[in-house]
Protein backbone atom coordinates (compact mmCIF):
# COMPACT_ATOMS: atom_id res chain seq x y z
CA MET A 1 -35.23 -53.97 184.06
CA VAL A 2 -35.40 -56.95 181.70
CA THR A 3 -36.04 -60.25 183.49
CA ASN A 4 -36.52 -63.84 182.37
CA ASP A 5 -40.24 -63.17 182.78
CA THR A 6 -39.92 -60.25 180.37
CA GLU A 7 -38.29 -62.42 177.73
CA ASN A 8 -40.70 -65.33 178.18
CA PHE A 9 -43.65 -62.97 177.88
CA ARG A 10 -42.11 -61.39 174.78
CA GLN A 11 -41.58 -64.76 173.10
CA ALA A 12 -45.23 -65.74 173.58
CA ARG A 13 -46.35 -62.30 172.41
CA ASP A 14 -44.07 -62.34 169.36
CA PHE A 15 -45.33 -65.77 168.33
CA LEU A 16 -48.85 -64.37 168.11
CA LEU A 17 -47.65 -61.28 166.25
CA GLY A 18 -45.84 -63.49 163.77
CA GLN A 19 -48.97 -65.54 163.10
CA ARG A 20 -51.31 -62.55 163.08
CA THR A 21 -53.22 -63.71 160.01
CA ASP A 22 -52.53 -67.46 160.26
CA TYR A 23 -55.20 -68.65 162.68
CA ASP A 24 -54.51 -72.38 162.34
CA THR A 25 -50.80 -72.04 163.14
CA ALA A 26 -51.44 -69.62 165.99
CA LYS A 27 -54.12 -71.83 167.55
CA ALA A 28 -52.02 -75.00 167.28
CA GLY A 29 -48.67 -73.53 168.31
CA PHE A 30 -49.42 -70.94 171.01
CA SER A 31 -48.72 -71.65 174.66
CA TRP A 32 -48.93 -69.28 177.58
CA PRO A 33 -45.55 -67.90 178.73
CA ASP A 34 -43.64 -69.69 181.49
CA LEU A 35 -43.53 -67.08 184.26
CA SER A 36 -42.10 -67.04 187.75
CA ASP A 37 -44.33 -66.84 190.80
CA ARG A 38 -43.28 -63.19 191.30
CA PHE A 39 -44.31 -61.90 187.86
CA ASN A 40 -45.55 -58.30 187.96
CA TRP A 41 -46.81 -57.04 184.62
CA ALA A 42 -46.30 -53.34 185.38
CA ILE A 43 -42.65 -53.88 186.29
CA ASP A 44 -41.61 -56.93 184.25
CA TRP A 45 -43.38 -55.91 181.05
CA PHE A 46 -44.51 -52.29 180.95
CA ASP A 47 -41.39 -50.78 182.51
CA ALA A 48 -39.16 -52.99 180.36
CA ILE A 49 -40.71 -51.79 177.08
CA ALA A 50 -41.17 -48.19 178.27
CA ALA A 51 -37.64 -47.37 179.48
CA GLY A 52 -36.18 -44.67 177.21
CA GLN A 53 -39.06 -45.00 174.71
CA ASP A 54 -40.25 -41.62 173.42
CA ARG A 55 -43.18 -42.93 171.37
CA PRO A 56 -46.63 -42.07 172.78
CA ALA A 57 -47.99 -44.69 175.15
CA LEU A 58 -51.21 -42.74 175.57
CA VAL A 59 -52.96 -39.89 173.78
CA VAL A 60 -56.06 -38.43 175.41
CA PHE A 61 -57.95 -36.11 173.08
CA ASP A 62 -61.21 -34.23 172.98
CA ASP A 63 -62.82 -31.70 170.66
CA GLN A 64 -60.56 -28.93 172.00
CA GLY A 65 -57.11 -30.54 172.05
CA ARG A 66 -54.92 -33.53 172.85
CA GLN A 67 -52.54 -34.69 175.58
CA PRO A 68 -49.85 -37.21 174.53
CA VAL A 69 -47.72 -39.07 177.08
CA THR A 70 -44.63 -41.05 176.07
CA PHE A 71 -43.88 -44.56 177.32
CA GLU A 72 -40.90 -43.22 179.27
CA ASP A 73 -42.96 -40.46 180.89
CA MET A 74 -45.66 -42.95 181.84
CA ARG A 75 -43.06 -45.26 183.39
CA ARG A 76 -41.53 -42.38 185.35
CA ARG A 77 -44.83 -40.86 186.48
CA SER A 78 -46.31 -44.19 187.59
CA ASN A 79 -43.15 -44.75 189.65
CA GLN A 80 -43.65 -41.37 191.33
CA VAL A 81 -47.28 -42.14 192.12
CA ALA A 82 -46.32 -45.59 193.47
CA HIS A 83 -43.59 -44.19 195.76
CA TRP A 84 -45.96 -41.48 197.00
CA LEU A 85 -48.77 -43.92 197.71
CA LYS A 86 -46.42 -46.27 199.58
CA GLY A 87 -45.17 -43.32 201.61
CA HIS A 88 -48.75 -42.54 202.62
CA GLY A 89 -49.59 -46.02 203.82
CA VAL A 90 -50.86 -47.90 200.77
CA GLY A 91 -49.56 -51.44 201.10
CA GLN A 92 -49.55 -54.78 199.36
CA GLY A 93 -53.02 -56.35 199.30
CA ASP A 94 -54.84 -53.08 200.05
CA VAL A 95 -57.88 -52.40 197.84
CA VAL A 96 -57.68 -49.04 196.06
CA LEU A 97 -60.87 -47.75 194.43
CA LEU A 98 -60.08 -45.72 191.29
CA MET A 99 -63.02 -43.58 190.19
CA LEU A 100 -61.55 -41.50 187.40
CA GLY A 101 -62.58 -40.58 183.88
CA ASN A 102 -60.63 -40.91 180.66
CA GLN A 103 -57.72 -38.87 181.97
CA VAL A 104 -53.98 -39.47 182.19
CA GLU A 105 -54.11 -39.93 185.96
CA LEU A 106 -56.14 -43.12 185.55
CA TRP A 107 -53.36 -44.86 183.61
CA GLU A 108 -50.67 -43.56 186.00
CA ALA A 109 -52.63 -44.79 189.02
CA MET A 110 -53.40 -48.22 187.50
CA LEU A 111 -49.70 -48.88 186.92
CA ALA A 112 -48.72 -47.44 190.29
CA VAL A 113 -51.12 -49.60 192.29
CA MET A 114 -49.90 -52.69 190.40
CA LYS A 115 -46.27 -51.83 191.20
CA ILE A 116 -47.07 -51.68 194.92
CA GLY A 117 -48.84 -55.05 194.90
CA ALA A 118 -52.14 -53.49 195.93
CA ILE A 119 -55.54 -54.41 194.42
CA ILE A 120 -57.26 -52.17 191.86
CA LEU A 121 -61.03 -51.66 192.01
CA PRO A 122 -62.04 -49.56 188.96
CA ALA A 123 -65.34 -47.69 189.26
CA THR A 124 -67.34 -45.60 186.81
CA THR A 125 -67.93 -41.94 187.66
CA SER A 126 -71.69 -42.47 187.15
CA LEU A 127 -71.96 -44.28 190.50
CA ASP A 128 -73.83 -42.51 193.28
CA THR A 129 -73.22 -42.71 197.03
CA ALA A 130 -75.46 -45.77 197.49
CA ASP A 131 -73.63 -47.65 194.71
CA LEU A 132 -70.28 -46.69 196.20
CA ALA A 133 -71.34 -47.74 199.71
CA GLU A 134 -72.06 -51.26 198.44
CA ARG A 135 -68.75 -51.44 196.57
CA VAL A 136 -66.71 -50.11 199.48
CA ASP A 137 -68.26 -52.66 201.79
CA ARG A 138 -68.24 -55.75 199.54
CA ALA A 139 -64.79 -55.13 198.06
CA ALA A 140 -63.19 -54.11 201.39
CA VAL A 141 -61.97 -50.80 199.96
CA ARG A 142 -59.24 -49.14 201.99
CA HIS A 143 -58.12 -46.22 199.80
CA VAL A 144 -59.77 -44.00 197.13
CA ILE A 145 -58.46 -41.90 194.24
CA THR A 146 -61.03 -39.74 192.43
CA ASN A 147 -61.60 -36.27 190.98
CA ALA A 148 -62.31 -33.33 193.27
CA ASP A 149 -65.87 -32.91 191.99
CA GLU A 150 -66.66 -36.54 192.92
CA THR A 151 -65.46 -36.33 196.53
CA PRO A 152 -68.87 -35.33 198.02
CA LYS A 153 -70.19 -38.78 197.07
CA PHE A 154 -67.72 -40.32 199.56
CA ALA A 155 -68.50 -37.98 202.48
CA PRO A 156 -70.79 -40.44 204.35
CA LEU A 157 -68.61 -43.49 203.63
CA ASP A 158 -66.09 -45.13 205.93
CA ILE A 159 -62.77 -45.12 204.03
CA PRO A 160 -60.16 -46.19 206.60
CA GLY A 161 -57.09 -45.24 204.58
CA LEU A 162 -56.03 -42.65 202.04
CA ARG A 163 -58.39 -40.29 200.22
CA VAL A 164 -56.75 -38.72 197.17
CA SER A 165 -58.35 -36.18 194.83
CA VAL A 166 -57.22 -34.97 191.44
CA GLY A 167 -57.67 -31.28 192.15
CA ALA A 168 -57.94 -29.68 195.57
CA SER A 169 -60.69 -30.88 197.90
CA ASP A 170 -61.02 -30.21 201.63
CA GLY A 171 -59.90 -33.15 203.73
CA TRP A 172 -58.37 -34.99 200.77
CA GLN A 173 -54.76 -35.41 199.70
CA ASP A 174 -53.99 -33.65 196.41
CA TYR A 175 -52.81 -35.99 193.65
CA ALA A 176 -50.56 -33.19 192.36
CA ALA A 177 -48.22 -33.87 195.30
CA THR A 178 -47.13 -37.12 193.62
CA ALA A 179 -44.97 -35.05 191.24
CA GLY A 180 -42.53 -34.45 194.09
CA ALA A 181 -41.88 -38.16 194.74
CA SER A 182 -38.96 -40.25 193.51
CA ASP A 183 -39.20 -41.72 190.03
CA ALA A 184 -36.73 -44.52 190.78
CA ALA A 185 -37.62 -48.04 189.66
CA LEU A 186 -39.56 -50.06 192.21
CA PRO A 187 -38.62 -53.59 193.24
CA ARG A 188 -41.09 -56.36 192.58
CA PRO A 189 -43.64 -56.59 195.37
CA ALA A 190 -43.87 -59.86 197.27
CA THR A 191 -47.08 -60.85 195.49
CA ALA A 192 -47.47 -64.36 194.06
CA ILE A 193 -49.01 -65.03 190.66
CA ASP A 194 -52.35 -66.13 192.16
CA ASP A 195 -52.63 -63.11 194.45
CA PRO A 196 -55.44 -60.70 193.52
CA LEU A 197 -54.70 -57.76 191.24
CA LEU A 198 -58.07 -56.50 189.99
CA ARG A 199 -61.63 -56.55 191.25
CA TYR A 200 -64.53 -55.72 188.94
CA PHE A 201 -68.24 -55.53 189.61
CA THR A 202 -70.29 -56.99 186.77
CA SER A 203 -73.04 -54.83 185.30
CA GLY A 204 -75.84 -56.86 186.92
CA THR A 205 -78.19 -57.38 183.94
CA THR A 206 -80.19 -60.10 185.68
CA SER A 207 -79.24 -60.01 189.36
CA LYS A 208 -77.08 -58.30 191.96
CA PRO A 209 -73.64 -57.47 190.49
CA LYS A 210 -70.97 -60.09 191.13
CA LEU A 211 -67.51 -59.13 192.36
CA VAL A 212 -65.02 -60.65 189.92
CA GLU A 213 -61.46 -61.10 191.16
CA HIS A 214 -58.50 -61.43 188.79
CA ASN A 215 -55.01 -62.51 189.77
CA GLN A 216 -51.62 -61.17 188.63
CA VAL A 217 -51.77 -62.87 185.22
CA SER A 218 -55.41 -63.55 184.22
CA TYR A 219 -55.88 -60.07 182.75
CA PRO A 220 -52.31 -58.80 182.14
CA VAL A 221 -51.13 -61.97 180.39
CA GLY A 222 -54.56 -63.30 179.44
CA HIS A 223 -55.16 -60.30 177.22
CA LEU A 224 -52.64 -61.63 174.75
CA THR A 225 -55.76 -63.29 173.30
CA THR A 226 -57.43 -59.88 173.07
CA MET A 227 -54.34 -58.42 171.39
CA TYR A 228 -54.48 -61.21 168.81
CA TRP A 229 -58.21 -60.79 168.17
CA ILE A 230 -57.91 -57.02 167.66
CA GLY A 231 -54.93 -57.54 165.35
CA LEU A 232 -52.65 -55.11 167.18
CA ARG A 233 -49.03 -54.57 166.14
CA PRO A 234 -46.18 -52.54 167.67
CA GLY A 235 -46.55 -48.89 166.72
CA ASP A 236 -50.31 -49.09 166.11
CA VAL A 237 -52.63 -46.39 167.42
CA HIS A 238 -55.63 -48.11 169.00
CA LEU A 239 -58.92 -46.42 169.86
CA ASN A 240 -61.60 -48.16 171.92
CA ILE A 241 -64.87 -46.48 172.83
CA SER A 242 -65.43 -47.54 176.42
CA SER A 243 -66.05 -45.98 179.81
CA PRO A 244 -63.56 -46.36 182.67
CA GLY A 245 -64.75 -48.61 185.46
CA TRP A 246 -65.82 -51.47 183.21
CA ALA A 247 -63.77 -54.49 182.19
CA LYS A 248 -63.76 -53.68 178.47
CA HIS A 249 -61.81 -50.52 179.29
CA ALA A 250 -59.05 -52.65 180.81
CA TRP A 251 -59.25 -55.04 177.84
CA SER A 252 -58.74 -52.51 175.07
CA CYS A 253 -57.61 -49.28 176.75
CA PHE A 254 -54.89 -50.79 178.91
CA PHE A 255 -53.59 -54.36 178.66
CA ALA A 256 -54.06 -55.44 175.03
CA PRO A 257 -52.52 -52.33 173.38
CA TRP A 258 -49.56 -52.17 175.75
CA ASN A 259 -49.00 -55.92 175.37
CA ALA A 260 -48.49 -55.10 171.68
CA GLU A 261 -46.42 -51.92 172.37
CA ALA A 262 -49.14 -49.88 170.66
CA THR A 263 -50.36 -46.39 171.50
CA ILE A 264 -53.64 -46.12 173.39
CA ALA A 265 -55.83 -43.35 171.96
CA VAL A 266 -58.70 -42.16 174.14
CA TYR A 267 -61.60 -39.98 173.04
CA ASN A 268 -62.60 -38.05 176.16
CA TYR A 269 -66.04 -36.63 175.43
CA ASP A 270 -68.81 -35.12 177.54
CA ARG A 271 -71.45 -35.98 174.95
CA PHE A 272 -70.69 -38.49 172.21
CA ARG A 273 -70.89 -37.11 168.66
CA ALA A 274 -70.44 -39.50 165.77
CA ASP A 275 -69.40 -36.76 163.33
CA ALA A 276 -66.67 -35.54 165.70
CA LEU A 277 -65.36 -39.07 166.20
CA LEU A 278 -65.08 -39.60 162.43
CA GLY A 279 -62.81 -36.56 162.20
CA HIS A 280 -60.65 -37.77 165.08
CA LEU A 281 -60.12 -41.16 163.44
CA GLU A 282 -58.35 -39.38 160.59
CA ARG A 283 -56.49 -36.73 162.59
CA GLU A 284 -55.14 -39.14 165.20
CA GLY A 285 -54.03 -41.73 162.65
CA ILE A 286 -56.11 -44.48 164.26
CA SER A 287 -55.07 -47.87 162.88
CA THR A 288 -57.27 -50.19 164.99
CA PHE A 289 -60.72 -49.20 166.21
CA CYS A 290 -63.11 -50.97 168.59
CA ALA A 291 -66.65 -49.84 169.42
CA PRO A 292 -69.93 -51.30 170.74
CA PRO A 293 -72.93 -51.84 168.42
CA THR A 294 -74.59 -48.61 169.57
CA VAL A 295 -71.63 -46.55 168.35
CA TRP A 296 -71.45 -48.41 165.04
CA ARG A 297 -75.15 -47.68 164.42
CA MET A 298 -74.58 -44.00 165.22
CA LEU A 299 -71.65 -43.86 162.81
CA ILE A 300 -73.77 -45.37 160.04
CA LYS A 301 -76.42 -42.71 160.53
CA ALA A 302 -73.71 -40.01 160.28
CA GLU A 303 -71.95 -39.25 157.01
CA MET A 304 -69.16 -41.85 157.22
CA GLY A 305 -67.26 -40.55 154.21
CA SER A 306 -64.15 -42.31 152.93
CA ARG A 307 -62.08 -44.66 155.09
CA PRO A 308 -59.61 -42.85 157.39
CA ALA A 309 -56.17 -43.31 155.86
CA ALA A 310 -54.45 -45.26 158.65
CA LEU A 311 -57.43 -47.42 159.62
CA ARG A 312 -56.74 -51.16 159.22
CA GLU A 313 -58.81 -53.16 161.75
CA LEU A 314 -62.41 -52.73 162.93
CA ILE A 315 -63.78 -54.50 166.00
CA GLY A 316 -67.26 -54.83 167.50
CA ALA A 317 -67.63 -55.58 171.20
CA GLY A 318 -70.06 -55.58 174.10
CA GLU A 319 -72.98 -57.30 172.36
CA PRO A 320 -73.23 -59.25 169.08
CA LEU A 321 -73.28 -57.14 165.94
CA ASN A 322 -76.12 -57.23 163.45
CA PRO A 323 -74.94 -58.39 159.98
CA GLU A 324 -76.68 -55.39 158.39
CA VAL A 325 -74.40 -53.02 160.33
CA ILE A 326 -71.31 -54.96 159.27
CA GLY A 327 -72.44 -54.79 155.65
CA GLN A 328 -73.04 -51.04 155.66
CA VAL A 329 -69.63 -50.28 157.17
CA GLU A 330 -67.95 -52.63 154.71
CA LYS A 331 -69.67 -50.85 151.83
CA ALA A 332 -68.53 -47.42 153.08
CA TRP A 333 -64.96 -48.20 154.13
CA GLY A 334 -64.06 -51.52 152.53
CA LEU A 335 -63.23 -52.99 155.96
CA THR A 336 -65.08 -55.74 157.83
CA ILE A 337 -66.03 -55.29 161.48
CA ARG A 338 -64.81 -58.40 163.30
CA ASP A 339 -66.93 -59.57 166.20
CA GLY A 340 -65.79 -61.49 169.27
CA PHE A 341 -66.83 -62.78 172.67
CA GLY A 342 -65.55 -62.61 176.23
CA GLN A 343 -66.68 -61.62 179.71
CA THR A 344 -65.59 -59.54 182.69
CA GLU A 345 -64.50 -62.92 184.08
CA THR A 346 -62.19 -63.64 181.12
CA SER A 347 -60.14 -62.10 178.37
CA ALA A 348 -61.33 -62.49 174.74
CA LEU A 349 -62.30 -66.14 174.18
CA ILE A 350 -63.80 -66.28 170.69
CA GLY A 351 -63.19 -63.99 167.75
CA ASN A 352 -62.95 -63.39 164.05
CA SER A 353 -59.19 -62.87 163.88
CA PRO A 354 -57.41 -60.84 161.15
CA GLY A 355 -57.20 -62.34 157.70
CA GLN A 356 -59.84 -65.00 158.33
CA LEU A 357 -63.15 -65.50 156.59
CA VAL A 358 -65.89 -63.67 158.48
CA ARG A 359 -69.16 -65.56 158.31
CA PRO A 360 -72.21 -63.31 158.73
CA GLY A 361 -73.63 -63.67 162.23
CA SER A 362 -70.71 -65.69 163.58
CA MET A 363 -68.45 -64.55 166.42
CA GLY A 364 -65.57 -66.54 164.93
CA ARG A 365 -63.56 -69.36 166.46
CA PRO A 366 -61.83 -70.00 169.81
CA LEU A 367 -58.76 -67.78 170.11
CA PRO A 368 -55.24 -69.12 170.73
CA GLY A 369 -54.86 -70.11 174.38
CA ALA A 370 -58.62 -70.09 175.05
CA ALA A 371 -59.85 -73.52 176.20
CA VAL A 372 -63.37 -73.03 174.81
CA VAL A 373 -65.84 -75.90 174.65
CA LEU A 374 -69.58 -76.01 174.01
CA VAL A 375 -71.41 -78.07 176.59
CA ASP A 376 -74.88 -79.62 176.42
CA PRO A 377 -76.80 -78.03 179.33
CA LEU A 378 -78.72 -81.28 179.94
CA THR A 379 -75.85 -83.79 179.92
CA ASP A 380 -72.94 -81.48 180.84
CA GLN A 381 -70.96 -83.13 178.04
CA PRO A 382 -68.98 -81.37 175.29
CA VAL A 383 -70.67 -80.81 171.93
CA GLU A 384 -68.41 -80.83 168.87
CA ILE A 385 -71.01 -79.60 166.37
CA GLY A 386 -74.34 -78.08 167.25
CA GLU A 387 -75.73 -76.07 170.14
CA GLY A 388 -74.40 -75.75 173.68
CA GLU A 389 -73.35 -73.41 176.45
CA ILE A 390 -70.03 -71.64 175.98
CA CYS A 391 -67.69 -72.98 178.67
CA LEU A 392 -64.01 -73.14 179.50
CA ASP A 393 -62.37 -76.49 180.20
CA CYS A 394 -60.97 -76.21 183.73
CA SER A 395 -59.09 -79.52 183.66
CA ALA A 396 -55.97 -77.47 182.98
CA ARG A 397 -56.60 -74.20 184.87
CA PRO A 398 -57.21 -71.59 182.11
CA LEU A 399 -54.75 -68.73 182.55
CA ASN A 400 -57.15 -66.14 181.11
CA LEU A 401 -59.94 -66.92 183.58
CA MET A 402 -60.65 -65.03 186.79
CA LYS A 403 -59.47 -66.21 190.18
CA GLY A 404 -63.13 -66.38 191.25
CA TYR A 405 -65.95 -64.29 192.70
CA ALA A 406 -64.82 -62.50 195.84
CA GLY A 407 -66.81 -63.55 198.88
CA SER A 408 -68.66 -66.31 196.97
CA PRO A 409 -68.18 -70.05 196.45
CA SER A 410 -65.81 -70.74 193.57
CA PRO A 411 -67.47 -71.47 190.20
CA LEU A 412 -64.23 -73.14 189.07
CA GLU A 413 -64.40 -76.34 191.10
CA GLY A 414 -66.06 -78.48 188.43
CA ARG A 415 -64.86 -79.63 185.05
CA PHE A 416 -66.15 -76.52 183.27
CA TYR A 417 -66.48 -72.81 183.88
CA HIS A 418 -69.98 -71.91 182.64
CA THR A 419 -70.40 -68.53 180.93
CA GLY A 420 -74.21 -68.67 180.82
CA ASP A 421 -74.19 -67.97 177.07
CA LEU A 422 -75.59 -70.29 174.42
CA ALA A 423 -74.06 -70.68 170.96
CA GLU A 424 -73.94 -73.01 167.99
CA ARG A 425 -70.78 -74.36 166.33
CA ASP A 426 -70.63 -75.50 162.71
CA ALA A 427 -68.43 -78.15 161.12
CA ASP A 428 -65.64 -75.62 160.48
CA GLY A 429 -65.51 -74.51 164.11
CA TYR A 430 -67.29 -71.17 163.66
CA ILE A 431 -69.42 -70.22 166.66
CA THR A 432 -72.67 -68.25 166.40
CA TYR A 433 -74.17 -66.57 169.45
CA ILE A 434 -77.73 -67.51 170.42
CA GLY A 435 -78.28 -65.69 173.70
CA ARG A 436 -78.02 -65.87 177.46
CA THR A 437 -79.31 -69.10 178.96
CA ASP A 438 -81.85 -67.06 180.91
CA ASP A 439 -82.92 -64.99 177.85
CA VAL A 440 -83.67 -67.83 175.43
CA PHE A 441 -87.28 -69.05 175.68
CA LYS A 442 -89.77 -71.37 173.99
CA ALA A 443 -92.82 -70.34 171.97
CA SER A 444 -95.07 -73.10 170.61
CA ASP A 445 -92.26 -75.51 171.53
CA TYR A 446 -89.78 -73.64 169.29
CA LYS A 447 -86.66 -72.21 170.88
CA ILE A 448 -86.47 -68.43 170.44
CA SER A 449 -83.17 -66.54 170.47
CA PRO A 450 -83.92 -62.88 171.25
CA PHE A 451 -80.75 -61.82 169.46
CA GLU A 452 -81.89 -63.30 166.14
CA LEU A 453 -85.19 -61.44 166.25
CA GLU A 454 -83.62 -58.20 167.47
CA SER A 455 -81.10 -58.37 164.61
CA VAL A 456 -83.97 -58.29 162.13
CA LEU A 457 -85.95 -55.57 163.89
CA ILE A 458 -83.08 -53.07 164.06
CA GLU A 459 -82.74 -53.23 160.29
CA HIS A 460 -86.02 -51.31 160.09
CA PRO A 461 -85.30 -47.55 159.88
CA ALA A 462 -87.81 -46.73 162.63
CA VAL A 463 -86.03 -48.92 165.18
CA ALA A 464 -83.12 -47.46 167.14
CA GLU A 465 -82.97 -50.31 169.66
CA ALA A 466 -85.01 -53.46 170.28
CA ALA A 467 -85.36 -56.05 173.01
CA ILE A 468 -87.30 -59.31 172.67
CA VAL A 469 -88.76 -61.05 175.73
CA PRO A 470 -91.36 -63.80 176.26
CA CYS A 471 -94.92 -62.70 176.88
CA PRO A 472 -97.17 -65.34 178.50
CA ASP A 473 -99.77 -66.74 176.08
CA PRO A 474 -102.50 -69.29 176.90
CA LEU A 475 -102.16 -71.10 173.57
CA ARG A 476 -98.43 -70.94 172.77
CA LEU A 477 -97.04 -70.82 176.36
CA ALA A 478 -95.20 -67.66 175.36
CA VAL A 479 -94.94 -65.37 172.33
CA PRO A 480 -92.15 -62.97 171.38
CA LYS A 481 -92.84 -59.42 172.49
CA ALA A 482 -90.72 -56.53 171.19
CA TYR A 483 -89.89 -53.46 173.22
CA ILE A 484 -88.86 -50.79 170.74
CA ALA A 485 -86.90 -47.55 171.20
CA LEU A 486 -87.75 -45.46 168.15
CA ALA A 487 -85.34 -43.62 165.89
CA VAL A 488 -85.66 -39.84 165.65
CA GLY A 489 -88.55 -38.74 163.44
CA TYR A 490 -90.87 -41.72 164.03
CA ALA A 491 -94.07 -41.60 166.07
CA ALA A 492 -95.07 -44.21 168.65
CA ASP A 493 -98.41 -44.83 167.02
CA GLU A 494 -100.48 -47.50 165.36
CA GLY A 495 -99.04 -46.86 161.91
CA THR A 496 -95.44 -47.32 163.06
CA ALA A 497 -96.38 -50.45 165.02
CA LEU A 498 -97.98 -51.95 161.92
CA GLU A 499 -94.92 -51.13 159.79
CA ILE A 500 -92.55 -52.84 162.23
CA LEU A 501 -94.75 -55.90 162.79
CA ARG A 502 -95.25 -56.24 159.03
CA TYR A 503 -91.48 -56.00 158.48
CA ALA A 504 -90.84 -58.67 161.11
CA ARG A 505 -93.47 -60.94 159.55
CA HIS A 506 -91.80 -60.71 156.14
CA ASN A 507 -88.26 -61.23 157.42
CA LEU A 508 -88.66 -63.88 160.11
CA SER A 509 -89.72 -67.51 160.02
CA PRO A 510 -93.35 -68.14 161.05
CA TRP A 511 -92.32 -69.70 164.36
CA GLN A 512 -90.20 -66.59 165.18
CA ARG A 513 -93.01 -64.13 164.50
CA VAL A 514 -93.15 -61.08 166.78
CA ARG A 515 -96.68 -61.14 168.15
CA LYS A 516 -96.70 -58.11 170.44
CA LEU A 517 -94.97 -54.72 170.42
CA GLU A 518 -94.62 -51.83 172.83
CA PHE A 519 -92.71 -48.59 172.39
CA ALA A 520 -90.53 -47.83 175.40
CA GLU A 521 -87.24 -46.48 176.64
CA LEU A 522 -85.22 -49.62 177.28
CA PRO A 523 -84.00 -50.07 180.88
CA LYS A 524 -80.23 -50.46 181.07
CA THR A 525 -77.47 -51.09 183.54
CA ILE A 526 -75.00 -48.27 184.18
CA SER A 527 -72.67 -49.99 181.72
CA GLY A 528 -75.32 -49.68 178.98
CA LYS A 529 -76.56 -53.29 178.74
CA ILE A 530 -80.29 -53.86 178.39
CA ARG A 531 -81.95 -55.23 181.53
CA ARG A 532 -84.21 -57.82 179.90
CA VAL A 533 -85.12 -59.13 183.34
CA GLU A 534 -87.15 -55.94 183.93
CA LEU A 535 -88.83 -56.21 180.55
CA ARG A 536 -89.72 -59.88 181.14
CA ALA A 537 -91.30 -58.96 184.45
CA HIS A 538 -93.18 -56.06 182.85
CA ALA A 539 -94.52 -58.26 180.03
CA ALA A 540 -95.61 -60.97 182.46
CA PHE A 541 -97.35 -58.49 184.79
CA ARG A 542 -99.19 -56.82 181.92
CA ALA A 543 -100.30 -60.15 180.46
CA GLU A 544 -101.80 -61.18 183.81
CA ASN A 545 -103.15 -57.88 185.12
CA GLY A 546 -103.66 -55.69 182.08
CA PRO A 547 -102.02 -52.30 181.48
CA ALA A 548 -101.29 -50.06 184.43
CA PRO A 549 -102.94 -46.62 184.44
CA GLY A 550 -101.20 -44.38 181.93
CA ALA A 551 -99.24 -47.27 180.38
CA ALA A 552 -98.11 -47.07 176.77
CA PRO A 553 -100.25 -48.98 174.25
CA GLU A 554 -99.37 -52.57 173.46
CA TRP A 555 -99.88 -53.54 169.82
CA SER A 556 -100.61 -57.10 168.81
CA ASP A 557 -100.51 -58.73 165.38
CA SER A 558 -104.15 -59.67 165.98
CA ASP A 559 -105.00 -55.93 166.00
CA PHE A 560 -104.28 -55.79 162.28
CA PRO A 561 -106.39 -57.86 159.83
CA GLU A 562 -103.50 -58.35 157.39
CA LEU A 563 -101.34 -59.91 160.15
CA ARG A 564 -103.90 -62.26 161.68
CA SER A 565 -102.94 -65.93 161.33
């Protein structure tokens, strides 16, 4: 069914498509679509573009085969799942936890829950019972859909409503029964635009995970900015390396591609293999490809070969990309990885958009529709040029910003929404990431950005991953300490430590010098982000109390005569 909302959404979308490589025109001329209070993305947009469309909406592939699903089949199947869920008591406003992998049922269920007017709570399959207990309680989960082999994790939990398993499981409804339901179109639910649609737990890099709540438009419509940043076009085949349960999966494996009427390609792997992925890029005709820095580094270490024939756009996401990585990929494939910035709380806010000059180290410029400002943390006033915290101007409620944190005071009451990330903007509007406000520290009264130092360290062949934290120092207040995860083939010994410290000394300014180094497996959240808070605590404890029994050696520049100064 085509509604006024459908056409208004299409006009806004088509404007961005038409200005795909003209950033200045897109930024100046874009406005969010004028939508009614009853807008439902799954019905007003997805069903409208999917009806009768036999192009693939989704292709899930692995190293053994592939499973394509057309737009029309996805529309029909999601209707069946929605009718079946409604018939079994799932109602508007109910929270439905979806703990599924990269499988077709995830996309069917996401659409179906939206069509009912219920609230989606995505969850990664790596969660254990304790993690799930917290999520069920804090998010007020009423219903669960998961795979049969995950159902034992829920046995001790109080789920008051429906329990659905993909595959037979005792005491659970079988998802296969949805195939017998009606595939008739569903009417719009009675939800209003500001009613909740999605709840996401953040990865909790520094504290207890927050429960982010998005309304009916902040992600579905807000991800027009993400579509623009990626450079998606109708008919594209888009591959994003991301795990279900995290916001980036919704960004690039759900909303942004289908906003563009592109095909979502999903690599469903048990163990990631860079060489296998390179083959799939060619075979699947991938035209736009997004991956986190870890994957890009793995691809570089593999034999990249020539550029896959259909590949047009490369995107880096999750954490800032090191310029060395960008340069190596550009040399191999002749394409530039374009970086960007956003949060679970937002859609893409800043990016290097297609056709624009990419400045090494810069994330790009504010995307069309993104009310980005840099704010001086001391004065809380906007900064036109120079350093400040990345914020959104809330004077006109940003459409692509969350509704708030569920169960917490609203962070949107003031003039600005604060991201907690520091950056610097130049005279041309390009923004360069510095670091989290709680990661940046001072050494000898100089401000240290861990990202800048880490970007240099990972250029050394011995370094697979690096994290910089402050280590207390009686003379300098703090000095940069590096925690290093070594590449295969390198030993965690004095010789390797000297090599890395020497390399850092030659490639960093004197005030940025890495003074201490420890080889370690870096602690991470279940979404793969480094928990620097643990490393800071470890460095501080060791500086005050000395090494714990059996602790790994800590190397200092003062241990080596050639580095003493």
